[in-house]
């Protein structure tokens, strides 16, 4: 009985792996400037989904985690990954003018 359960667990793991392999091909690693990278949904792979970015760290660990916009400051867009809690700044830093 234990072997049957183990086979079932392994089959589920294989299914998750195969599903992720298909899903991750929908994204392309993109340089957003300032040394920040994320995976962007390819337009031809949208299948009705809006354009979005997913966390590079989570992607490399086999997870799809959509980055959430938090704010804009000094020319950069700031996003947070709710899965791994990383914070990323996209774009080039533009110093504010002080008058």
Protein backbone atom coordinates (compact mmCIF):
# COMPACT_ATOMS: atom_id res chain seq x y z
CA UNK A 1 0.00 0.00 0.00
CA UNK A 2 2.85 2.39 0.81
CA UNK A 3 4.32 1.83 -2.67
CA UNK A 4 1.00 2.66 -4.32
CA UNK A 5 0.81 5.91 -2.33
CA UNK A 6 4.40 6.77 -3.24
CA UNK A 7 3.71 6.14 -6.93
CA UNK A 8 0.71 8.46 -6.71
CA UNK A 9 2.86 11.18 -5.10
CA UNK A 10 5.52 10.82 -7.79
CA UNK A 11 2.92 10.98 -10.56
CA UNK A 12 1.62 14.26 -9.11
CA UNK A 13 5.17 15.67 -8.97
CA UNK A 14 5.75 14.74 -12.62
CA UNK A 15 2.46 16.37 -13.59
CA UNK A 16 3.39 19.61 -11.76
CA UNK A 17 6.80 19.60 -13.45
CA UNK A 18 5.30 19.10 -16.91
CA UNK A 19 2.71 21.82 -16.31
CA UNK A 20 5.42 24.25 -15.21
CA UNK A 21 7.55 23.43 -18.27
CA UNK A 22 4.65 24.46 -20.52
CA UNK A 23 3.81 27.56 -18.45
CA UNK A 24 7.36 28.92 -18.23
CA UNK A 25 7.73 28.94 -22.03
CA UNK A 26 5.10 31.70 -22.09
CA UNK A 27 7.58 34.14 -20.53
CA UNK A 28 10.76 35.86 -21.67
CA UNK A 29 13.54 37.23 -19.44
CA UNK A 30 13.51 41.00 -19.91
CA UNK A 31 15.95 43.73 -18.84
CA UNK A 32 14.01 46.70 -17.43
CA UNK A 33 17.06 48.89 -16.88
CA UNK A 34 18.97 49.70 -13.76
CA UNK A 35 20.09 46.09 -13.43
CA UNK A 36 16.58 44.75 -12.85
CA UNK A 37 15.26 41.70 -14.67
CA UNK A 38 11.89 39.98 -14.64
CA UNK A 39 10.08 37.52 -16.83
CA UNK A 40 7.46 39.20 -19.03
CA UNK A 41 4.49 37.46 -20.58
CA UNK A 42 5.06 37.12 -24.33
CA UNK A 43 2.26 38.98 -26.18
CA UNK A 44 1.61 35.99 -28.42
CA UNK A 45 1.15 33.79 -25.32
CA UNK A 46 -1.31 36.06 -23.50
CA UNK A 47 -4.39 33.85 -23.99
CA UNK A 48 -6.58 36.67 -22.69
CA UNK A 49 -4.31 37.57 -19.75
CA UNK A 50 -3.23 41.20 -19.32
CA UNK A 51 0.48 42.01 -19.76
CA UNK A 52 2.39 41.30 -16.56
CA UNK A 53 5.80 40.43 -15.11
CA UNK A 54 6.72 37.54 -12.88
CA UNK A 55 9.47 37.35 -10.30
CA UNK A 56 12.77 36.03 -11.72
CA UNK A 57 13.72 34.42 -8.41
CA UNK A 58 10.45 32.52 -8.11
CA UNK A 59 10.53 31.58 -11.81
CA UNK A 60 13.95 29.98 -11.35
CA UNK A 61 12.49 28.00 -8.43
CA UNK A 62 9.57 26.70 -10.46
CA UNK A 63 6.87 29.15 -9.36
CA UNK A 64 4.82 31.77 -11.15
CA UNK A 65 4.54 34.85 -8.93
CA UNK A 66 3.09 37.96 -10.56
CA UNK A 67 4.88 41.12 -9.44
CA UNK A 68 2.62 43.72 -7.84
CA UNK A 69 3.12 47.44 -8.49
CA UNK A 70 3.65 49.42 -5.29
CA UNK A 71 4.69 52.94 -6.34
CA UNK A 72 6.64 55.16 -8.73
CA UNK A 73 9.53 57.37 -7.63
CA UNK A 74 12.38 59.19 -9.36
CA UNK A 75 11.74 57.58 -12.73
CA UNK A 76 11.47 54.05 -11.42
CA UNK A 77 8.51 51.72 -10.99
CA UNK A 78 8.62 49.67 -7.81
CA UNK A 79 7.17 46.17 -7.63
CA UNK A 80 6.93 43.54 -4.91
CA UNK A 81 6.73 39.76 -5.14
CA UNK A 82 4.12 38.58 -2.66
CA UNK A 83 5.56 35.05 -2.72
CA UNK A 84 9.24 35.63 -1.87
CA UNK A 85 8.80 39.20 -0.55
CA UNK A 86 11.48 40.62 -2.86
CA UNK A 87 11.21 44.23 -3.97
CA UNK A 88 12.37 45.44 -7.34
CA UNK A 89 12.87 48.83 -8.93
CA UNK A 90 12.41 48.89 -12.69
CA UNK A 91 13.89 51.61 -14.87
CA UNK A 92 16.73 54.05 -14.55
CA UNK A 93 17.07 56.25 -11.50
CA UNK A 94 16.39 59.92 -12.25
CA UNK A 95 17.48 62.34 -9.53
CA UNK A 96 14.76 64.73 -8.48
CA UNK A 97 15.48 68.38 -9.03
CA UNK A 98 15.50 70.43 -5.87
CA UNK A 99 14.63 74.06 -6.45
